[in-house]
Amino acid sequence: VAAFAVGILVWGLILWAMVAYRKRNDELPKQT
């Protein structure tokens, strides 16, 4: 149960990052 909970959280963050920070143009993103 703990493994699935961690997995779902990680998968969710990965999918969120893919959508929220997808490439929108050729401008170089801010480097942190």
Full PDB file with SEQRES, HELIX, SHEET, SSBOND, CRYST1, ORIGX, SCALE, CONECT and MASTER records, all heavy atoms in Angstrom:
SEQRES   1 A   32  VAL ALA ALA PHE ALA VAL GLY ILE LEU VAL TRP GLY LEU          
SEQRES   2 A   32  ILE LEU TRP ALA MET VAL ALA TYR ARG LYS ARG ASN ASP          
SEQRES   3 A   32  GLU LEU PRO LYS GLN THR                                      
HELIX    1 AA1 ALA A    2  ALA A   20  1                                  19    
CRYST1    1.000    1.000    1.000  90.00  90.00  90.00 P 1           1          
ORIGX1      1.000000  0.000000  0.000000        0.00000                         
ORIGX2      0.000000  1.000000  0.000000        0.00000                         
ORIGX3      0.000000  0.000000  1.000000        0.00000                         
SCALE1      1.000000  0.000000  0.000000        0.00000                         
SCALE2      0.000000  1.000000  0.000000        0.00000                         
SCALE3      0.000000  0.000000  1.000000        0.00000                         
ATOM      1  N   VAL A   1       0.838  -1.200   0.000  1.00  0.00           N  
ATOM      2  CA  VAL A   1       0.000   0.000   0.000  1.00  0.00           C  
ATOM      3  C   VAL A   1       0.874   1.251   0.000  1.00  0.00           C  
ATOM      4  O   VAL A   1       0.621   2.215  -0.749  1.00  0.00           O  
ATOM      5  CB  VAL A   1      -0.950  -0.012   1.210  1.00  0.00           C  
ATOM      6  CG1 VAL A   1      -1.656   1.327   1.349  1.00  0.00           C  
ATOM      7  CG2 VAL A   1      -1.983  -1.131   1.083  1.00  0.00           C  
ATOM      8  N   ALA A   2       1.916   1.248   0.836  1.00  0.00           N  
ATOM      9  CA  ALA A   2       2.829   2.396   0.881  1.00  0.00           C  
ATOM     10  C   ALA A   2       3.546   2.575  -0.458  1.00  0.00           C  
ATOM     11  O   ALA A   2       3.727   3.705  -0.936  1.00  0.00           O  
ATOM     12  CB  ALA A   2       3.843   2.207   2.004  1.00  0.00           C  
ATOM     13  N   ALA A   3       3.961   1.454  -1.070  1.00  0.00           N  
ATOM     14  CA  ALA A   3       4.657   1.529  -2.354  1.00  0.00           C  
ATOM     15  C   ALA A   3       3.757   2.108  -3.437  1.00  0.00           C  
ATOM     16  O   ALA A   3       4.189   2.951  -4.244  1.00  0.00           O  
ATOM     17  CB  ALA A   3       5.153   0.142  -2.767  1.00  0.00           C  
ATOM     18  N   PHE A   4       2.485   1.671  -3.447  1.00  0.00           N  
ATOM     19  CA  PHE A   4       1.559   2.216  -4.440  1.00  0.00           C  
ATOM     20  C   PHE A   4       1.291   3.700  -4.190  1.00  0.00           C  
ATOM     21  O   PHE A   4       1.174   4.490  -5.134  1.00  0.00           O  
ATOM     22  CB  PHE A   4       0.242   1.438  -4.433  1.00  0.00           C  
ATOM     23  CG  PHE A   4       0.285   0.176  -5.238  1.00  0.00           C  
ATOM     24  CD1 PHE A   4       0.037  -1.051  -4.657  1.00  0.00           C  
ATOM     25  CD2 PHE A   4       0.577   0.210  -6.599  1.00  0.00           C  
ATOM     26  CE1 PHE A   4       0.080  -2.217  -5.397  1.00  0.00           C  
ATOM     27  CE2 PHE A   4       0.619  -0.952  -7.356  1.00  0.00           C  
ATOM     28  CZ  PHE A   4       0.367  -2.169  -6.758  1.00  0.00           C  
ATOM     29  N   ALA A   5       1.184   4.096  -2.930  1.00  0.00           N  
ATOM     30  CA  ALA A   5       0.942   5.503  -2.612  1.00  0.00           C  
ATOM     31  C   ALA A   5       2.096   6.374  -3.099  1.00  0.00           C  
ATOM     32  O   ALA A   5       1.883   7.428  -3.716  1.00  0.00           O  
ATOM     33  CB  ALA A   5       0.743   5.669  -1.104  1.00  0.00           C  
ATOM     34  N   VAL A   6       3.330   5.939  -2.822  1.00  0.00           N  
ATOM     35  CA  VAL A   6       4.498   6.683  -3.288  1.00  0.00           C  
ATOM     36  C   VAL A   6       4.550   6.690  -4.816  1.00  0.00           C  
ATOM     37  O   VAL A   6       4.841   7.713  -5.449  1.00  0.00           O  
ATOM     38  CB  VAL A   6       5.786   6.081  -2.696  1.00  0.00           C  
ATOM     39  CG1 VAL A   6       7.021   6.720  -3.325  1.00  0.00           C  
ATOM     40  CG2 VAL A   6       5.816   6.261  -1.181  1.00  0.00           C  
ATOM     41  N   GLY A   7       4.257   5.540  -5.423  1.00  0.00           N  
ATOM     42  CA  GLY A   7       4.280   5.450  -6.884  1.00  0.00           C  
ATOM     43  C   GLY A   7       3.280   6.381  -7.538  1.00  0.00           C  
ATOM     44  O   GLY A   7       3.597   7.065  -8.518  1.00  0.00           O  
ATOM     45  N   ILE A   8       2.055   6.404  -6.999  1.00  0.00           N  
ATOM     46  CA  ILE A   8       1.023   7.278  -7.568  1.00  0.00           C  
ATOM     47  C   ILE A   8       1.430   8.744  -7.443  1.00  0.00           C  
ATOM     48  O   ILE A   8       1.250   9.547  -8.361  1.00  0.00           O  
ATOM     49  CB  ILE A   8      -0.324   7.011  -6.873  1.00  0.00           C  
ATOM     50  CG1 ILE A   8      -0.845   5.625  -7.267  1.00  0.00           C  
ATOM     51  CG2 ILE A   8      -1.339   8.093  -7.239  1.00  0.00           C  
ATOM     52  CD1 ILE A   8      -2.060   5.181  -6.488  1.00  0.00           C  
ATOM     53  N   LEU A   9       2.005   9.106  -6.285  1.00  0.00           N  
ATOM     54  CA  LEU A   9       2.471  10.482  -6.095  1.00  0.00           C  
ATOM     55  C   LEU A   9       3.551  10.839  -7.109  1.00  0.00           C  
ATOM     56  O   LEU A   9       3.506  11.901  -7.751  1.00  0.00           O  
ATOM     57  CB  LEU A   9       2.998  10.662  -4.673  1.00  0.00           C  
ATOM     58  CG  LEU A   9       3.629  12.029  -4.361  1.00  0.00           C  
ATOM     59  CD1 LEU A   9       2.600  13.137  -4.518  1.00  0.00           C  
ATOM     60  CD2 LEU A   9       4.236  12.032  -2.957  1.00  0.00           C  
ATOM     61  N   VAL A  10       4.526   9.952  -7.275  1.00  0.00           N  
ATOM     62  CA  VAL A  10       5.632  10.223  -8.203  1.00  0.00           C  
ATOM     63  C   VAL A  10       5.127  10.298  -9.640  1.00  0.00           C  
ATOM     64  O   VAL A  10       5.485  11.206 -10.405  1.00  0.00           O  
ATOM     65  CB  VAL A  10       6.729   9.150  -8.055  1.00  0.00           C  
ATOM     66  CG1 VAL A  10       7.784   9.312  -9.152  1.00  0.00           C  
ATOM     67  CG2 VAL A  10       7.377   9.245  -6.687  1.00  0.00           C  
ATOM     68  N   TRP A  11       4.285   9.316 -10.023  1.00  0.00           N  
ATOM     69  CA  TRP A  11       3.733   9.351 -11.384  1.00  0.00           C  
ATOM     70  C   TRP A  11       2.927  10.633 -11.622  1.00  0.00           C  
ATOM     71  O   TRP A  11       2.990  11.227 -12.688  1.00  0.00           O  
ATOM     72  CB  TRP A  11       2.848   8.125 -11.625  1.00  0.00           C  
ATOM     73  CG  TRP A  11       3.586   6.829 -11.521  1.00  0.00           C  
ATOM     74  CD1 TRP A  11       4.897   6.598 -11.808  1.00  0.00           C  
ATOM     75  CD2 TRP A  11       3.041   5.584 -11.081  1.00  0.00           C  
ATOM     76  NE1 TRP A  11       5.220   5.284 -11.577  1.00  0.00           N  
ATOM     77  CE2 TRP A  11       4.101   4.628 -11.136  1.00  0.00           C  
ATOM     78  CE3 TRP A  11       1.799   5.165 -10.661  1.00  0.00           C  
ATOM     79  CZ2 TRP A  11       3.922   3.305 -10.762  1.00  0.00           C  
ATOM     80  CZ3 TRP A  11       1.602   3.829 -10.290  1.00  0.00           C  
ATOM     81  CH2 TRP A  11       2.674   2.922 -10.348  1.00  0.00           C  
ATOM     82  N   GLY A  12       2.168  11.030 -10.601  1.00  0.00           N  
ATOM     83  CA  GLY A  12       1.381  12.253 -10.732  1.00  0.00           C  
ATOM     84  C   GLY A  12       2.247  13.474 -10.929  1.00  0.00           C  
ATOM     85  O   GLY A  12       1.956  14.332 -11.776  1.00  0.00           O  
ATOM     86  N   LEU A  13       3.335  13.567 -10.151  1.00  0.00           N  
ATOM     87  CA  LEU A  13       4.240  14.708 -10.290  1.00  0.00           C  
ATOM     88  C   LEU A  13       4.930  14.709 -11.654  1.00  0.00           C  
ATOM     89  O   LEU A  13       5.142  15.782 -12.259  1.00  0.00           O  
ATOM     90  CB  LEU A  13       5.285  14.682  -9.173  1.00  0.00           C  
ATOM     91  CG  LEU A  13       4.764  14.994  -7.763  1.00  0.00           C  
ATOM     92  CD1 LEU A  13       5.864  14.771  -6.731  1.00  0.00           C  
ATOM     93  CD2 LEU A  13       4.229  16.419  -7.692  1.00  0.00           C  
ATOM     94  N   ILE A  14       5.287  13.521 -12.128  1.00  0.00           N  
ATOM     95  CA  ILE A  14       5.930  13.435 -13.445  1.00  0.00           C  
ATOM     96  C   ILE A  14       4.971  13.929 -14.532  1.00  0.00           C  
ATOM     97  O   ILE A  14       5.342  14.728 -15.414  1.00  0.00           O  
ATOM     98  CB  ILE A  14       6.378  11.983 -13.730  1.00  0.00           C  
ATOM     99  CG1 ILE A  14       7.557  11.608 -12.826  1.00  0.00           C  
ATOM    100  CG2 ILE A  14       6.763  11.830 -15.202  1.00  0.00           C  
ATOM    101  CD1 ILE A  14       7.947  10.145 -12.932  1.00  0.00           C  
ATOM    102  N   LEU A  15       3.720  13.454 -14.495  1.00  0.00           N  
ATOM    103  CA  LEU A  15       2.739  13.867 -15.501  1.00  0.00           C  
ATOM    104  C   LEU A  15       2.451  15.369 -15.404  1.00  0.00           C  
ATOM    105  O   LEU A  15       2.318  16.058 -16.422  1.00  0.00           O  
ATOM    106  CB  LEU A  15       1.457  13.057 -15.335  1.00  0.00           C  
ATOM    107  CG  LEU A  15       1.565  11.562 -15.657  1.00  0.00           C  
ATOM    108  CD1 LEU A  15       0.268  10.842 -15.304  1.00  0.00           C  
ATOM    109  CD2 LEU A  15       1.913  11.356 -17.129  1.00  0.00           C  
ATOM    110  N   TRP A  16       2.342  15.852 -14.151  1.00  0.00           N  
ATOM    111  CA  TRP A  16       2.100  17.283 -13.958  1.00  0.00           C  
ATOM    112  C   TRP A  16       3.248  18.111 -14.534  1.00  0.00           C  
ATOM    113  O   TRP A  16       3.021  19.124 -15.214  1.00  0.00           O  
ATOM    114  CB  TRP A  16       1.918  17.577 -12.471  1.00  0.00           C  
ATOM    115  CG  TRP A  16       1.843  19.044 -12.171  1.00  0.00           C  
ATOM    116  CD1 TRP A  16       0.780  19.878 -12.380  1.00  0.00           C  
ATOM    117  CD2 TRP A  16       2.894  19.849 -11.626  1.00  0.00           C  
ATOM    118  NE1 TRP A  16       1.093  21.164 -11.999  1.00  0.00           N  
ATOM    119  CE2 TRP A  16       2.381  21.169 -11.530  1.00  0.00           C  
ATOM    120  CE3 TRP A  16       4.195  19.597 -11.202  1.00  0.00           C  
ATOM    121  CZ2 TRP A  16       3.154  22.225 -11.030  1.00  0.00           C  
ATOM    122  CZ3 TRP A  16       4.952  20.638 -10.704  1.00  0.00           C  
ATOM    123  CH2 TRP A  16       4.431  21.943 -10.620  1.00  0.00           C  
ATOM    124  N   ALA A  17       4.502  17.701 -14.269  1.00  0.00           N  
ATOM    125  CA  ALA A  17       5.657  18.429 -14.784  1.00  0.00           C  
ATOM    126  C   ALA A  17       5.702  18.385 -16.312  1.00  0.00           C  
ATOM    127  O   ALA A  17       6.076  19.377 -16.961  1.00  0.00           O  
ATOM    128  CB  ALA A  17       6.947  17.846 -14.200  1.00  0.00           C  
ATOM    129  N   MET A  18       5.301  17.241 -16.892  1.00  0.00           N  
ATOM    130  CA  MET A  18       5.293  17.129 -18.353  1.00  0.00           C  
ATOM    131  C   MET A  18       4.322  18.116 -18.988  1.00  0.00           C  
ATOM    132  O   MET A  18       4.591  18.693 -20.038  1.00  0.00           O  
ATOM    133  CB  MET A  18       4.926  15.701 -18.761  1.00  0.00           C  
ATOM    134  CG  MET A  18       5.997  14.670 -18.453  1.00  0.00           C  
ATOM    135  SD  MET A  18       5.402  12.983 -18.705  1.00  0.00           S  
ATOM    136  CE  MET A  18       4.963  13.036 -20.438  1.00  0.00           C  
ATOM    137  N   VAL A  19       3.180  18.314 -18.303  1.00  0.00           N  
ATOM    138  CA  VAL A  19       2.165  19.219 -18.861  1.00  0.00           C  
ATOM    139  C   VAL A  19       2.488  20.674 -18.525  1.00  0.00           C  
ATOM    140  O   VAL A  19       2.469  21.557 -19.392  1.00  0.00           O  
ATOM    141  CB  VAL A  19       0.770  18.835 -18.330  1.00  0.00           C  
ATOM    142  CG1 VAL A  19      -0.272  19.872 -18.771  1.00  0.00           C  
ATOM    143  CG2 VAL A  19       0.386  17.446 -18.807  1.00  0.00           C  
ATOM    144  N   ALA A  20       2.793  20.929 -17.250  1.00  0.00           N  
ATOM    145  CA  ALA A  20       2.985  22.312 -16.805  1.00  0.00           C  
ATOM    146  C   ALA A  20       4.239  22.952 -17.401  1.00  0.00           C  
ATOM    147  O   ALA A  20       4.262  24.170 -17.645  1.00  0.00           O  
ATOM    148  CB  ALA A  20       3.047  22.361 -15.282  1.00  0.00           C  
ATOM    149  N   TYR A  21       5.271  22.152 -17.625  1.00  0.00           N  
ATOM    150  CA  TYR A  21       6.539  22.709 -18.083  1.00  0.00           C  
ATOM    151  C   TYR A  21       6.918  22.212 -19.478  1.00  0.00           C  
ATOM    152  O   TYR A  21       8.098  22.140 -19.820  1.00  0.00           O  
ATOM    153  CB  TYR A  21       7.647  22.383 -17.084  1.00  0.00           C  
ATOM    154  CG  TYR A  21       7.384  22.964 -15.722  1.00  0.00           C  
ATOM    155  CD1 TYR A  21       6.943  22.149 -14.672  1.00  0.00           C  
ATOM    156  CD2 TYR A  21       7.554  24.323 -15.480  1.00  0.00           C  
ATOM    157  CE1 TYR A  21       6.685  22.684 -13.423  1.00  0.00           C  
ATOM    158  CE2 TYR A  21       7.298  24.866 -14.234  1.00  0.00           C  
ATOM    159  CZ  TYR A  21       6.860  24.047 -13.206  1.00  0.00           C  
ATOM    160  OH  TYR A  21       6.597  24.585 -11.975  1.00  0.00           O  
ATOM    161  N   ARG A  22       5.908  21.902 -20.257  1.00  0.00           N  
ATOM    162  CA  ARG A  22       6.193  21.467 -21.628  1.00  0.00           C  
ATOM    163  C   ARG A  22       6.743  22.638 -22.446  1.00  0.00           C  
ATOM    164  O   ARG A  22       6.513  23.812 -22.110  1.00  0.00           O  
ATOM    165  CB  ARG A  22       4.939  20.907 -22.285  1.00  0.00           C  
ATOM    166  CG  ARG A  22       3.874  21.956 -22.544  1.00  0.00           C  
ATOM    167  CD  ARG A  22       2.582  21.296 -23.018  1.00  0.00           C  
ATOM    168  NE  ARG A  22       1.574  22.294 -23.390  1.00  0.00           N  
ATOM    169  CZ  ARG A  22       0.785  22.911 -22.518  1.00  0.00           C  
ATOM    170  NH1 ARG A  22       0.915  22.670 -21.208  1.00  0.00           N  
ATOM    171  NH2 ARG A  22      -0.109  23.785 -22.938  1.00  0.00           N  
ATOM    172  N   LYS A  23       7.442  22.311 -23.476  1.00  0.00           N  
ATOM    173  CA  LYS A  23       8.032  23.347 -24.323  1.00  0.00           C  
ATOM    174  C   LYS A  23       6.936  24.103 -25.066  1.00  0.00           C  
ATOM    175  O   LYS A  23       6.100  23.500 -25.747  1.00  0.00           O  
ATOM    176  CB  LYS A  23       8.996  22.710 -25.316  1.00  0.00           C  
ATOM    177  CG  LYS A  23       9.697  23.722 -26.213  1.00  0.00           C  
ATOM    178  CD  LYS A  23      10.689  23.034 -27.142  1.00  0.00           C  
ATOM    179  CE  LYS A  23      11.363  24.063 -28.050  1.00  0.00           C  
ATOM    180  NZ  LYS A  23      12.330  23.429 -28.980  1.00  0.00           N  
ATOM    181  N   ARG A  24       6.952  25.425 -24.933  1.00  0.00           N  
ATOM    182  CA  ARG A  24       5.944  26.249 -25.587  1.00  0.00           C  
ATOM    183  C   ARG A  24       6.529  27.086 -26.742  1.00  0.00           C  
ATOM    184  O   ARG A  24       5.810  27.489 -27.649  1.00  0.00           O  
ATOM    185  CB  ARG A  24       5.296  27.176 -24.564  1.00  0.00           C  
ATOM    186  CG  ARG A  24       4.453  26.429 -23.524  1.00  0.00           C  
ATOM    187  CD  ARG A  24       3.809  27.404 -22.544  1.00  0.00           C  
ATOM    188  NE  ARG A  24       2.857  26.760 -21.671  1.00  0.00           N  
ATOM    189  CZ  ARG A  24       3.169  26.142 -20.536  1.00  0.00           C  
ATOM    190  NH1 ARG A  24       4.432  26.091 -20.158  1.00  0.00           N  
ATOM    191  NH2 ARG A  24       2.241  25.571 -19.794  1.00  0.00           N  
ATOM    192  N   ASN A  25       7.808  27.361 -26.638  1.00  0.00           N  
ATOM    193  CA  ASN A  25       8.455  28.138 -27.706  1.00  0.00           C  
ATOM    194  C   ASN A  25       9.955  27.845 -27.659  1.00  0.00           C  
ATOM    195  O   ASN A  25      10.400  26.967 -26.909  1.00  0.00           O  
ATOM    196  CB  ASN A  25       8.178  29.638 -27.541  1.00  0.00           C  
ATOM    197  CG  ASN A  25       8.471  30.119 -26.127  1.00  0.00           C  
ATOM    198  OD1 ASN A  25       9.564  29.874 -25.607  1.00  0.00           O  
ATOM    199  ND2 ASN A  25       7.497  30.784 -25.488  1.00  0.00           N  
ATOM    200  N   ASP A  26      10.717  28.585 -28.468  1.00  0.00           N  
ATOM    201  CA  ASP A  26      12.162  28.364 -28.538  1.00  0.00           C  
ATOM    202  C   ASP A  26      12.941  29.185 -27.524  1.00  0.00           C  
ATOM    203  O   ASP A  26      14.179  29.151 -27.506  1.00  0.00           O  
ATOM    204  CB  ASP A  26      12.669  28.693 -29.946  1.00  0.00           C  
ATOM    205  CG  ASP A  26      12.116  27.723 -30.974  1.00  0.00           C  
ATOM    206  OD1 ASP A  26      11.845  26.549 -30.577  1.00  0.00           O  
ATOM    207  OD2 ASP A  26      11.953  28.119 -32.137  1.00  0.00           O  
ATOM    208  N   GLU A  27      12.249  29.917 -26.665  1.00  0.00           N  
ATOM    209  CA  GLU A  27      12.927  30.733 -25.660  1.00  0.00           C  
ATOM    210  C   GLU A  27      13.539  29.837 -24.580  1.00  0.00           C  
ATOM    211  O   GLU A  27      12.894  28.892 -24.101  1.00  0.00           O  
ATOM    212  CB  GLU A  27      11.946  31.702 -25.021  1.00  0.00           C  
ATOM    213  CG  GLU A  27      12.595  32.648 -24.014  1.00  0.00           C  
ATOM    214  CD  GLU A  27      11.589  33.612 -23.412  1.00  0.00           C  
ATOM    215  OE1 GLU A  27      10.470  33.697 -23.966  1.00  0.00           O  
ATOM    216  OE2 GLU A  27      11.908  34.265 -22.397  1.00  0.00           O  
ATOM    217  N   LEU A  28      14.768  30.110 -24.205  1.00  0.00           N  
ATOM    218  CA  LEU A  28      15.452  29.321 -23.177  1.00  0.00           C  
ATOM    219  C   LEU A  28      14.815  29.588 -21.814  1.00  0.00           C  
ATOM    220  O   LEU A  28      14.692  30.742 -21.403  1.00  0.00           O  
ATOM    221  CB  LEU A  28      16.947  29.673 -23.141  1.00  0.00           C  
ATOM    222  CG  LEU A  28      17.796  28.837 -22.183  1.00  0.00           C  
ATOM    223  CD1 LEU A  28      17.860  27.383 -22.648  1.00  0.00           C  
ATOM    224  CD2 LEU A  28      19.210  29.430 -22.077  1.00  0.00           C  
ATOM    225  N   PRO A  29      14.387  28.568 -21.110  1.00  0.00           N  
ATOM    226  CA  PRO A  29      13.773  28.779 -19.795  1.00  0.00           C  
ATOM    227  C   PRO A  29      14.765  29.373 -18.801  1.00  0.00           C  
ATOM    228  O   PRO A  29      15.987  29.279 -18.971  1.00  0.00           O  
ATOM    229  CB  PRO A  29      13.371  27.361 -19.366  1.00  0.00           C  
ATOM    230  CG  PRO A  29      13.365  26.559 -20.607  1.00  0.00           C  
ATOM    231  CD  PRO A  29      14.406  27.164 -21.502  1.00  0.00           C  
ATOM    232  N   LYS A  30      14.237  29.972 -17.753  1.00  0.00           N  
ATOM    233  CA  LYS A  30      15.072  30.515 -16.699  1.00  0.00           C  
ATOM    234  C   LYS A  30      15.877  29.390 -16.059  1.00  0.00           C  
ATOM    235  O   LYS A  30      15.335  28.348 -15.693  1.00  0.00           O  
ATOM    236  CB  LYS A  30      14.190  31.196 -15.652  1.00  0.00           C  
ATOM    237  CG  LYS A  30      14.985  31.772 -14.493  1.00  0.00           C  
ATOM    238  CD  LYS A  30      14.043  32.382 -13.447  1.00  0.00           C  
ATOM    239  CE  LYS A  30      14.860  32.911 -12.264  1.00  0.00           C  
ATOM    240  NZ  LYS A  30      13.971  33.474 -11.198  1.00  0.00           N  
ATOM    241  N   GLN A  31      17.184  29.606 -15.928  1.00  0.00           N  
ATOM    242  CA  GLN A  31      18.068  28.584 -15.373  1.00  0.00           C  
ATOM    243  C   GLN A  31      18.187  28.759 -13.849  1.00  0.00           C  
ATOM    244  O   GLN A  31      18.503  29.858 -13.368  1.00  0.00           O  
ATOM    245  CB  GLN A  31      19.449  28.678 -16.013  1.00  0.00           C  
ATOM    246  CG  GLN A  31      19.439  28.530 -17.523  1.00  0.00           C  
ATOM    247  CD  GLN A  31      18.859  27.190 -17.968  1.00  0.00           C  
ATOM    248  OE1 GLN A  31      19.446  26.156 -17.682  1.00  0.00           O  
ATOM    249  NE2 GLN A  31      17.721  27.214 -18.646  1.00  0.00           N  
ATOM    250  N   THR A  32      17.908  27.692 -13.119  1.00  0.00           N  
ATOM    251  CA  THR A  32      17.954  27.718 -11.659  1.00  0.00           C  
ATOM    252  C   THR A  32      19.055  26.798 -11.176  1.00  0.00           C  
ATOM    253  O   THR A  32      19.068  25.606 -11.518  1.00  0.00           O  
ATOM    254  CB  THR A  32      16.607  27.277 -11.054  1.00  0.00           C  
ATOM    255  OG1 THR A  32      15.585  28.136 -11.568  1.00  0.00           O  
ATOM    256  CG2 THR A  32      16.627  27.363  -9.540  1.00  0.00           C  
TER     257      THR A  32                                                      
MASTER        0    0    0    1    0    0    0    6  256    1    0    3          
END                                                                             
